[in-house]
Amino acid sequence: MKNIATALVATTLAIAGAGPVFATDYTKGTIRKIDNKTGKVTIAHEDLKNLDMPAMTMVFVLAEDGMLEKIREGQVIEFVADRVKGKLTVTEIKQ
């Protein structure tokens, strides 16, 4: 009986610790402008479903400085954006 109780507790903890698994929705966009001083990029993008925004052109900050080195103006990208500390932020760029 102790073994069953121990197994149930272990299974419950393993499931609880795993947390929810979400698929990342990438959005297609084109880099229109890069501002190296501010770390901001202007992207003409398709609908951002997770932010409930229609397709448009807008300015984003980049989550990491290293992202600037991976993009260029005119480049078509797939990216993930979210609100980070109240700012629209590119959090991932698919390579």
PDB file of N, CA and C in Angstrom:
ATOM      1  N   MET A   1       0.814  -1.186   0.000  1.00  0.00           N
ATOM      2  CA  MET A   1       0.000   0.000   0.000  1.00  0.00           C
ATOM      3  C   MET A   1       0.862   1.257   0.000  1.00  0.00           C
ATOM      4  N   LYS A   2       1.969   1.218   0.758  1.00  0.00           N
ATOM      5  CA  LYS A   2       2.877   2.369   0.787  1.00  0.00           C
ATOM      6  C   LYS A   2       3.455   2.628  -0.595  1.00  0.00           C
ATOM      7  N   ASN A   3       3.769   1.558  -1.321  1.00  0.00           N
ATOM      8  CA  ASN A   3       4.351   1.705  -2.654  1.00  0.00           C
ATOM      9  C   ASN A   3       3.378   2.384  -3.611  1.00  0.00           C
ATOM     10  N   ILE A   4       2.095   2.040  -3.504  1.00  0.00           N
ATOM     11  CA  ILE A   4       1.092   2.661  -4.368  1.00  0.00           C
ATOM     12  C   ILE A   4       0.964   4.148  -4.041  1.00  0.00           C
ATOM     13  N   ALA A   5       0.917   4.483  -2.765  1.00  0.00           N
ATOM     14  CA  ALA A   5       0.811   5.883  -2.355  1.00  0.00           C
ATOM     15  C   ALA A   5       2.028   6.673  -2.807  1.00  0.00           C
ATOM     16  N   THR A   6       3.202   6.094  -2.657  1.00  0.00           N
ATOM     17  CA  THR A   6       4.432   6.755  -3.089  1.00  0.00           C
ATOM     18  C   THR A   6       4.425   6.971  -4.598  1.00  0.00           C
ATOM     19  N   ALA A   7       3.977   5.967  -5.342  1.00  0.00           N
ATOM     20  CA  ALA A   7       3.918   6.075  -6.800  1.00  0.00           C
ATOM     21  C   ALA A   7       2.928   7.159  -7.219  1.00  0.00           C
ATOM     22  N   LEU A   8       1.788   7.233  -6.554  1.00  0.00           N
ATOM     23  CA  LEU A   8       0.798   8.262  -6.876  1.00  0.00           C
ATOM     24  C   LEU A   8       1.329   9.664  -6.599  1.00  0.00           C
ATOM     25  N   VAL A   9       1.982   9.837  -5.482  1.00  0.00           N
ATOM     26  CA  VAL A   9       2.561  11.141  -5.147  1.00  0.00           C
ATOM     27  C   VAL A   9       3.634  11.517  -6.164  1.00  0.00           C
ATOM     28  N   ALA A  10       4.499  10.584  -6.512  1.00  0.00           N
ATOM     29  CA  ALA A  10       5.567  10.853  -7.480  1.00  0.00           C
ATOM     30  C   ALA A  10       4.992  11.213  -8.842  1.00  0.00           C
ATOM     31  N   THR A  11       3.963  10.496  -9.271  1.00  0.00           N
ATOM     32  CA  THR A  11       3.334  10.779 -10.560  1.00  0.00           C
ATOM     33  C   THR A  11       2.675  12.156 -10.552  1.00  0.00           C
ATOM     34  N   THR A  12       1.973  12.476  -9.487  1.00  0.00           N
ATOM     35  CA  THR A  12       1.320  13.781  -9.369  1.00  0.00           C
ATOM     36  C   THR A  12       2.339  14.912  -9.417  1.00  0.00           C
ATOM     37  N   LEU A  13       3.429  14.760  -8.708  1.00  0.00           N
ATOM     38  CA  LEU A  13       4.472  15.790  -8.712  1.00  0.00           C
ATOM     39  C   LEU A  13       5.111  15.922 -10.087  1.00  0.00           C
ATOM     40  N   ALA A  14       5.322  14.814 -10.768  1.00  0.00           N
ATOM     41  CA  ALA A  14       5.931  14.857 -12.098  1.00  0.00           C
ATOM     42  C   ALA A  14       5.021  15.583 -13.079  1.00  0.00           C
ATOM     43  N   ILE A  15       3.730  15.295 -13.015  1.00  0.00           N
ATOM     44  CA  ILE A  15       2.783  15.952 -13.917  1.00  0.00           C
ATOM     45  C   ILE A  15       2.672  17.437 -13.586  1.00  0.00           C
ATOM     46  N   ALA A  16       2.583  17.776 -12.328  1.00  0.00           N
ATOM     47  CA  ALA A  16       2.463  19.178 -11.913  1.00  0.00           C
ATOM     48  C   ALA A  16       3.699  19.977 -12.290  1.00  0.00           C
ATOM     49  N   GLY A  17       4.867  19.362 -12.196  1.00  0.00           N
ATOM     50  CA  GLY A  17       6.114  20.051 -12.511  1.00  0.00           C
ATOM     51  C   GLY A  17       6.330  20.256 -13.988  1.00  0.00           C
ATOM     52  N   ALA A  18       5.662  19.451 -14.794  1.00  0.00           N
ATOM     53  CA  ALA A  18       5.851  19.545 -16.237  1.00  0.00           C
ATOM     54  C   ALA A  18       5.277  20.838 -16.788  1.00  0.00           C
ATOM     55  N   GLY A  19       4.192  21.324 -16.201  1.00  0.00           N
ATOM     56  CA  GLY A  19       3.584  22.565 -16.666  1.00  0.00           C
ATOM     57  C   GLY A  19       2.931  22.389 -18.016  1.00  0.00           C
ATOM     58  N   PRO A  20       2.202  23.401 -18.451  1.00  0.00           N
ATOM     59  CA  PRO A  20       1.514  23.303 -19.731  1.00  0.00           C
ATOM     60  C   PRO A  20       2.491  23.401 -20.890  1.00  0.00           C
ATOM     61  N   VAL A  21       2.144  22.749 -21.980  1.00  0.00           N
ATOM     62  CA  VAL A  21       2.967  22.793 -23.184  1.00  0.00           C
ATOM     63  C   VAL A  21       2.182  23.562 -24.237  1.00  0.00           C
ATOM     64  N   PHE A  22       2.756  24.637 -24.752  1.00  0.00           N
ATOM     65  CA  PHE A  22       2.097  25.457 -25.747  1.00  0.00           C
ATOM     66  C   PHE A  22       2.915  25.443 -27.030  1.00  0.00           C
ATOM     67  N   ALA A  23       2.230  25.400 -28.144  1.00  0.00           N
ATOM     68  CA  ALA A  23       2.902  25.509 -29.429  1.00  0.00           C
ATOM     69  C   ALA A  23       3.216  26.986 -29.658  1.00  0.00           C
ATOM     70  N   THR A  24       4.378  27.259 -30.189  1.00  0.00           N
ATOM     71  CA  THR A  24       4.766  28.632 -30.479  1.00  0.00           C
ATOM     72  C   THR A  24       4.249  28.999 -31.860  1.00  0.00           C
ATOM     73  N   ASP A  25       3.461  30.060 -31.936  1.00  0.00           N
ATOM     74  CA  ASP A  25       2.950  30.530 -33.217  1.00  0.00           C
ATOM     75  C   ASP A  25       3.905  31.565 -33.787  1.00  0.00           C
ATOM     76  N   TYR A  26       4.557  31.192 -34.876  1.00  0.00           N
ATOM     77  CA  TYR A  26       5.434  32.133 -35.562  1.00  0.00           C
ATOM     78  C   TYR A  26       4.604  32.945 -36.550  1.00  0.00           C
ATOM     79  N   THR A  27       4.987  34.198 -36.720  1.00  0.00           N
ATOM     80  CA  THR A  27       4.319  35.105 -37.641  1.00  0.00           C
ATOM     81  C   THR A  27       5.318  35.518 -38.709  1.00  0.00           C
ATOM     82  N   LYS A  28       4.859  35.573 -39.956  1.00  0.00           N
ATOM     83  CA  LYS A  28       5.736  36.022 -41.039  1.00  0.00           C
ATOM     84  C   LYS A  28       5.742  37.542 -41.088  1.00  0.00           C
ATOM     85  N   GLY A  29       6.914  38.080 -41.408  1.00  0.00           N
ATOM     86  CA  GLY A  29       7.047  39.523 -41.523  1.00  0.00           C
ATOM     87  C   GLY A  29       8.260  39.889 -42.350  1.00  0.00           C
ATOM     88  N   THR A  30       8.334  41.158 -42.727  1.00  0.00           N
ATOM     89  CA  THR A  30       9.473  41.675 -43.485  1.00  0.00           C
ATOM     90  C   THR A  30      10.081  42.828 -42.703  1.00  0.00           C
ATOM     91  N   ILE A  31      11.400  42.768 -42.508  1.00  0.00           N
ATOM     92  CA  ILE A  31      12.114  43.835 -41.805  1.00  0.00           C
ATOM     93  C   ILE A  31      12.142  45.065 -42.709  1.00  0.00           C
ATOM     94  N   ARG A  32      11.555  46.158 -42.256  1.00  0.00           N
ATOM     95  CA  ARG A  32      11.531  47.403 -43.031  1.00  0.00           C
ATOM     96  C   ARG A  32      12.646  48.355 -42.613  1.00  0.00           C
ATOM     97  N   LYS A  33      12.969  48.375 -41.318  1.00  0.00           N
ATOM     98  CA  LYS A  33      13.987  49.304 -40.819  1.00  0.00           C
ATOM     99  C   LYS A  33      14.610  48.721 -39.561  1.00  0.00           C
ATOM    100  N   ILE A  34      15.910  48.958 -39.398  1.00  0.00           N
ATOM    101  CA  ILE A  34      16.637  48.538 -38.198  1.00  0.00           C
ATOM    102  C   ILE A  34      17.289  49.767 -37.589  1.00  0.00           C
ATOM    103  N   ASP A  35      17.051  50.000 -36.301  1.00  0.00           N
ATOM    104  CA  ASP A  35      17.692  51.093 -35.576  1.00  0.00           C
ATOM    105  C   ASP A  35      18.674  50.473 -34.589  1.00  0.00           C
ATOM    106  N   ASN A  36      19.939  50.442 -34.975  1.00  0.00           N
ATOM    107  CA  ASN A  36      20.967  49.808 -34.144  1.00  0.00           C
ATOM    108  C   ASN A  36      21.175  50.514 -32.807  1.00  0.00           C
ATOM    109  N   LYS A  37      20.967  51.827 -32.768  1.00  0.00           N
ATOM    110  CA  LYS A  37      21.175  52.572 -31.517  1.00  0.00           C
ATOM    111  C   LYS A  37      20.154  52.192 -30.447  1.00  0.00           C
ATOM    112  N   THR A  38      18.899  52.053 -30.862  1.00  0.00           N
ATOM    113  CA  THR A  38      17.838  51.766 -29.889  1.00  0.00           C
ATOM    114  C   THR A  38      17.512  50.281 -29.779  1.00  0.00           C
ATOM    115  N   GLY A  39      18.005  49.487 -30.735  1.00  0.00           N
ATOM    116  CA  GLY A  39      17.683  48.063 -30.738  1.00  0.00           C
ATOM    117  C   GLY A  39      16.254  47.794 -31.169  1.00  0.00           C
ATOM    118  N   LYS A  40      15.689  48.714 -31.943  1.00  0.00           N
ATOM    119  CA  LYS A  40      14.312  48.556 -32.411  1.00  0.00           C
ATOM    120  C   LYS A  40      14.291  48.222 -33.894  1.00  0.00           C
ATOM    121  N   VAL A  41      13.255  47.474 -34.280  1.00  0.00           N
ATOM    122  CA  VAL A  41      13.077  47.124 -35.685  1.00  0.00           C
ATOM    123  C   VAL A  41      11.640  47.420 -36.099  1.00  0.00           C
ATOM    124  N   THR A  42      11.496  47.846 -37.340  1.00  0.00           N
ATOM    125  CA  THR A  42      10.172  48.043 -37.911  1.00  0.00           C
ATOM    126  C   THR A  42       9.885  46.836 -38.782  1.00  0.00           C
ATOM    127  N   ILE A  43       8.752  46.180 -38.513  1.00  0.00           N
ATOM    128  CA  ILE A  43       8.398  44.955 -39.228  1.00  0.00           C
ATOM    129  C   ILE A  43       6.996  45.095 -39.810  1.00  0.00           C
ATOM    130  N   ALA A  44       6.870  44.797 -41.112  1.00  0.00           N
ATOM    131  CA  ALA A  44       5.556  44.660 -41.746  1.00  0.00           C
ATOM    132  C   ALA A  44       5.174  43.198 -41.540  1.00  0.00           C
ATOM    133  N   HIS A  45       4.139  42.955 -40.755  1.00  0.00           N
ATOM    134  CA  HIS A  45       3.844  41.579 -40.351  1.00  0.00           C
ATOM    135  C   HIS A  45       2.413  41.162 -40.655  1.00  0.00           C
ATOM    136  N   GLU A  46       2.220  39.837 -40.674  1.00  0.00           N
ATOM    137  CA  GLU A  46       0.883  39.261 -40.784  1.00  0.00           C
ATOM    138  C   GLU A  46       0.202  39.382 -39.419  1.00  0.00           C
ATOM    139  N   ASP A  47      -1.010  38.860 -39.298  1.00  0.00           N
ATOM    140  CA  ASP A  47      -1.740  38.912 -38.026  1.00  0.00           C
ATOM    141  C   ASP A  47      -0.912  38.326 -36.889  1.00  0.00           C
ATOM    142  N   LEU A  48      -0.882  39.032 -35.759  1.00  0.00           N
ATOM    143  CA  LEU A  48      -0.259  38.517 -34.536  1.00  0.00           C
ATOM    144  C   LEU A  48      -1.393  37.964 -33.677  1.00  0.00           C
ATOM    145  N   LYS A  49      -1.653  36.678 -33.830  1.00  0.00           N
ATOM    146  CA  LYS A  49      -2.815  36.064 -33.179  1.00  0.00           C
ATOM    147  C   LYS A  49      -2.733  36.130 -31.662  1.00  0.00           C
ATOM    148  N   ASN A  50      -1.551  35.901 -31.102  1.00  0.00           N
ATOM    149  CA  ASN A  50      -1.429  35.898 -29.641  1.00  0.00           C
ATOM    150  C   ASN A  50      -1.631  37.290 -29.037  1.00  0.00           C
ATOM    151  N   LEU A  51      -1.436  38.337 -29.838  1.00  0.00           N
ATOM    152  CA  LEU A  51      -1.637  39.710 -29.365  1.00  0.00           C
ATOM    153  C   LEU A  51      -2.944  40.304 -29.887  1.00  0.00           C
ATOM    154  N   ASP A  52      -3.693  39.508 -30.654  1.00  0.00           N
ATOM    155  CA  ASP A  52      -4.965  39.937 -31.229  1.00  0.00           C
ATOM    156  C   ASP A  52      -4.794  41.217 -32.047  1.00  0.00           C
ATOM    157  N   MET A  53      -3.760  41.221 -32.916  1.00  0.00           N
ATOM    158  CA  MET A  53      -3.476  42.386 -33.758  1.00  0.00           C
ATOM    159  C   MET A  53      -3.548  41.981 -35.223  1.00  0.00           C
ATOM    160  N   PRO A  54      -4.170  42.821 -36.041  1.00  0.00           N
ATOM    161  CA  PRO A  54      -4.212  42.532 -37.474  1.00  0.00           C
ATOM    162  C   PRO A  54      -2.854  42.808 -38.122  1.00  0.00           C
ATOM    163  N   ALA A  55      -2.746  42.412 -39.368  1.00  0.00           N
ATOM    164  CA  ALA A  55      -1.528  42.676 -40.129  1.00  0.00           C
ATOM    165  C   ALA A  55      -1.312  44.185 -40.227  1.00  0.00           C
ATOM    166  N   MET A  56      -0.069  44.609 -40.039  1.00  0.00           N
ATOM    167  CA  MET A  56       0.287  46.030 -40.126  1.00  0.00           C
ATOM    168  C   MET A  56       1.803  46.163 -40.078  1.00  0.00           C
ATOM    169  N   THR A  57       2.284  47.383 -40.141  1.00  0.00           N
ATOM    170  CA  THR A  57       3.705  47.670 -39.981  1.00  0.00           C
ATOM    171  C   THR A  57       3.869  48.398 -38.658  1.00  0.00           C
ATOM    172  N   MET A  58       4.788  47.895 -37.824  1.00  0.00           N
ATOM    173  CA  MET A  58       4.983  48.515 -36.511  1.00  0.00           C
ATOM    174  C   MET A  58       6.399  48.302 -36.006  1.00  0.00           C
ATOM    175  N   VAL A  59       6.732  49.038 -34.950  1.00  0.00           N
ATOM    176  CA  VAL A  59       8.066  48.999 -34.354  1.00  0.00           C
ATOM    177  C   VAL A  59       8.057  48.061 -33.149  1.00  0.00           C
ATOM    178  N   PHE A  60       9.090  47.228 -33.067  1.00  0.00           N
ATOM    179  CA  PHE A  60       9.272  46.301 -31.951  1.00  0.00           C
ATOM    180  C   PHE A  60      10.651  46.504 -31.345  1.00  0.00           C
ATOM    181  N   VAL A  61      10.782  46.199 -30.063  1.00  0.00           N
ATOM    182  CA  VAL A  61      12.111  46.083 -29.465  1.00  0.00           C
ATOM    183  C   VAL A  61      12.512  44.620 -29.591  1.00  0.00           C
ATOM    184  N   LEU A  62      13.798  44.355 -29.497  1.00  0.00           N
ATOM    185  CA  LEU A  62      14.302  42.983 -29.566  1.00  0.00           C
ATOM    186  C   LEU A  62      14.637  42.499 -28.165  1.00  0.00           C
ATOM    187  N   ALA A  63      14.298  41.266 -27.878  1.00  0.00           N
ATOM    188  CA  ALA A  63      14.524  40.709 -26.543  1.00  0.00           C
ATOM    189  C   ALA A  63      16.013  40.582 -26.227  1.00  0.00           C
ATOM    190  N   GLU A  64      16.827  40.337 -27.259  1.00  0.00           N
ATOM    191  CA  GLU A  64      18.266  40.146 -27.054  1.00  0.00           C
ATOM    192  C   GLU A  64      19.050  40.965 -28.066  1.00  0.00           C
ATOM    193  N   ASP A  65      20.152  41.556 -27.620  1.00  0.00           N
ATOM    194  CA  ASP A  65      20.995  42.353 -28.518  1.00  0.00           C
ATOM    195  C   ASP A  65      21.516  41.532 -29.688  1.00  0.00           C
ATOM    196  N   GLY A  66      21.814  40.276 -29.471  1.00  0.00           N
ATOM    197  CA  GLY A  66      22.364  39.413 -30.518  1.00  0.00           C
ATOM    198  C   GLY A  66      21.434  39.215 -31.700  1.00  0.00           C
ATOM    199  N   MET A  67      20.172  39.512 -31.524  1.00  0.00           N
ATOM    200  CA  MET A  67      19.210  39.362 -32.627  1.00  0.00           C
ATOM    201  C   MET A  67      19.492  40.342 -33.760  1.00  0.00           C
ATOM    202  N   LEU A  68      20.042  41.508 -33.429  1.00  0.00           N
ATOM    203  CA  LEU A  68      20.341  42.512 -34.459  1.00  0.00           C
ATOM    204  C   LEU A  68      21.302  41.976 -35.515  1.00  0.00           C
ATOM    205  N   GLU A  69      22.229  41.151 -35.087  1.00  0.00           N
ATOM    206  CA  GLU A  69      23.241  40.620 -36.002  1.00  0.00           C
ATOM    207  C   GLU A  69      22.674  39.576 -36.956  1.00  0.00           C
ATOM    208  N   LYS A  70      21.488  39.057 -36.656  1.00  0.00           N
ATOM    209  CA  LYS A  70      20.913  37.975 -37.448  1.00  0.00           C
ATOM    210  C   LYS A  70      19.911  38.452 -38.491  1.00  0.00           C
ATOM    211  N   ILE A  71      19.643  39.769 -38.527  1.00  0.00           N
ATOM    212  CA  ILE A  71      18.631  40.277 -39.447  1.00  0.00           C
ATOM    213  C   ILE A  71      19.187  41.414 -40.293  1.00  0.00           C
ATOM    214  N   ARG A  72      18.487  41.679 -41.412  1.00  0.00           N
ATOM    215  CA  ARG A  72      18.859  42.794 -42.281  1.00  0.00           C
ATOM    216  C   ARG A  72      17.581  43.380 -42.890  1.00  0.00           C
ATOM    217  N   GLU A  73      17.632  44.616 -43.265  1.00  0.00           N
ATOM    218  CA  GLU A  73      16.473  45.264 -43.875  1.00  0.00           C
ATOM    219  C   GLU A  73      16.084  44.535 -45.154  1.00  0.00           C
ATOM    220  N   GLY A  74      14.786  44.353 -45.347  1.00  0.00           N
ATOM    221  CA  GLY A  74      14.272  43.649 -46.515  1.00  0.00           C
ATOM    222  C   GLY A  74      14.143  42.145 -46.319  1.00  0.00           C
ATOM    223  N   GLN A  75      14.699  41.632 -45.242  1.00  0.00           N
ATOM    224  CA  GLN A  75      14.668  40.194 -44.978  1.00  0.00           C
ATOM    225  C   GLN A  75      13.269  39.752 -44.537  1.00  0.00           C
ATOM    226  N   VAL A  76      12.816  38.632 -45.099  1.00  0.00           N
ATOM    227  CA  VAL A  76      11.561  38.022 -44.674  1.00  0.00           C
ATOM    228  C   VAL A  76      11.894  37.069 -43.532  1.00  0.00           C
ATOM    229  N   ILE A  77      11.172  37.213 -42.421  1.00  0.00           N
ATOM    230  CA  ILE A  77      11.453  36.398 -41.240  1.00  0.00           C
ATOM    231  C   ILE A  77      10.171  35.747 -40.723  1.00  0.00           C
ATOM    232  N   GLU A  78      10.353  34.784 -39.844  1.00  0.00           N
ATOM    233  CA  GLU A  78       9.272  34.240 -39.037  1.00  0.00           C
ATOM    234  C   GLU A  78       9.676  34.533 -37.604  1.00  0.00           C
ATOM    235  N   PHE A  79       8.760  35.129 -36.835  1.00  0.00           N
ATOM    236  CA  PHE A  79       9.125  35.584 -35.496  1.00  0.00           C
ATOM    237  C   PHE A  79       7.975  35.404 -34.517  1.00  0.00           C
ATOM    238  N   VAL A  80       8.328  35.510 -33.240  1.00  0.00           N
ATOM    239  CA  VAL A  80       7.340  35.491 -32.159  1.00  0.00           C
ATOM    240  C   VAL A  80       7.440  36.834 -31.453  1.00  0.00           C
ATOM    241  N   ALA A  81       6.298  37.457 -31.219  1.00  0.00           N
ATOM    242  CA  ALA A  81       6.267  38.733 -30.499  1.00  0.00           C
ATOM    243  C   ALA A  81       5.340  38.599 -29.302  1.00  0.00           C
ATOM    244  N   ASP A  82       5.651  39.355 -28.265  1.00  0.00           N
ATOM    245  CA  ASP A  82       4.822  39.367 -27.065  1.00  0.00           C
ATOM    246  C   ASP A  82       5.013  40.703 -26.358  1.00  0.00           C
ATOM    247  N   ARG A  83       4.176  40.977 -25.382  1.00  0.00           N
ATOM    248  CA  ARG A  83       4.352  42.172 -24.553  1.00  0.00           C
ATOM    249  C   ARG A  83       5.296  41.805 -23.415  1.00  0.00           C
ATOM    250  N   VAL A  84       6.412  42.512 -23.340  1.00  0.00           N
ATOM    251  CA  VAL A  84       7.384  42.306 -22.271  1.00  0.00           C
ATOM    252  C   VAL A  84       7.574  43.648 -21.577  1.00  0.00           C
ATOM    253  N   LYS A  85       7.217  43.703 -20.317  1.00  0.00           N
ATOM    254  CA  LYS A  85       7.290  44.947 -19.537  1.00  0.00           C
ATOM    255  C   LYS A  85       6.569  46.088 -20.256  1.00  0.00           C
ATOM    256  N   GLY A  86       5.423  45.765 -20.853  1.00  0.00           N
ATOM    257  CA  GLY A  86       4.600  46.767 -21.514  1.00  0.00           C
ATOM    258  C   GLY A  86       5.028  47.145 -22.921  1.00  0.00           C
ATOM    259  N   LYS A  87       6.103  46.548 -23.426  1.00  0.00           N
ATOM    260  CA  LYS A  87       6.595  46.886 -24.764  1.00  0.00           C
ATOM    261  C   LYS A  87       6.426  45.698 -25.697  1.00  0.00           C
ATOM    262  N   LEU A  88       6.025  45.990 -26.939  1.00  0.00           N
ATOM    263  CA  LEU A  88       5.939  44.929 -27.936  1.00  0.00           C
ATOM    264  C   LEU A  88       7.353  44.490 -28.278  1.00  0.00           C
ATOM    265  N   THR A  89       7.621  43.213 -28.078  1.00  0.00           N
ATOM    266  CA  THR A  89       8.984  42.698 -28.150  1.00  0.00           C
ATOM    267  C   THR A  89       9.057  41.457 -29.020  1.00  0.00           C
ATOM    268  N   VAL A  90      10.056  41.413 -29.896  1.00  0.00           N
ATOM    269  CA  VAL A  90      10.351  40.192 -30.646  1.00  0.00           C
ATOM    270  C   VAL A  90      11.138  39.293 -29.704  1.00  0.00           C
ATOM    271  N   THR A  91      10.562  38.137 -29.378  1.00  0.00           N
ATOM    272  CA  THR A  91      11.202  37.229 -28.427  1.00  0.00           C
ATOM    273  C   THR A  91      11.948  36.092 -29.109  1.00  0.00           C
ATOM    274  N   GLU A  92      11.568  35.770 -30.351  1.00  0.00           N
ATOM    275  CA  GLU A  92      12.242  34.706 -31.102  1.00  0.00           C
ATOM    276  C   GLU A  92      12.229  35.040 -32.580  1.00  0.00           C
ATOM    277  N   ILE A  93      13.300  34.643 -33.261  1.00  0.00           N
ATOM    278  CA  ILE A  93      13.360  34.727 -34.718  1.00  0.00           C
ATOM    279  C   ILE A  93      13.802  33.364 -35.210  1.00  0.00           C
ATOM    280  N   LYS A  94      13.002  32.789 -36.108  1.00  0.00           N
ATOM    281  CA  LYS A  94      13.327  31.467 -36.654  1.00  0.00           C
ATOM    282  C   LYS A  94      14.412  31.625 -37.710  1.00  0.00           C
ATOM    283  N   GLN A  95      15.440  30.807 -37.606  1.00  0.00           N
ATOM    284  CA  GLN A  95      16.552  30.878 -38.563  1.00  0.00           C
ATOM    285  C   GLN A  95      16.407  29.861 -39.657  1.00  0.00           C
TER     286      GLN A  95
END
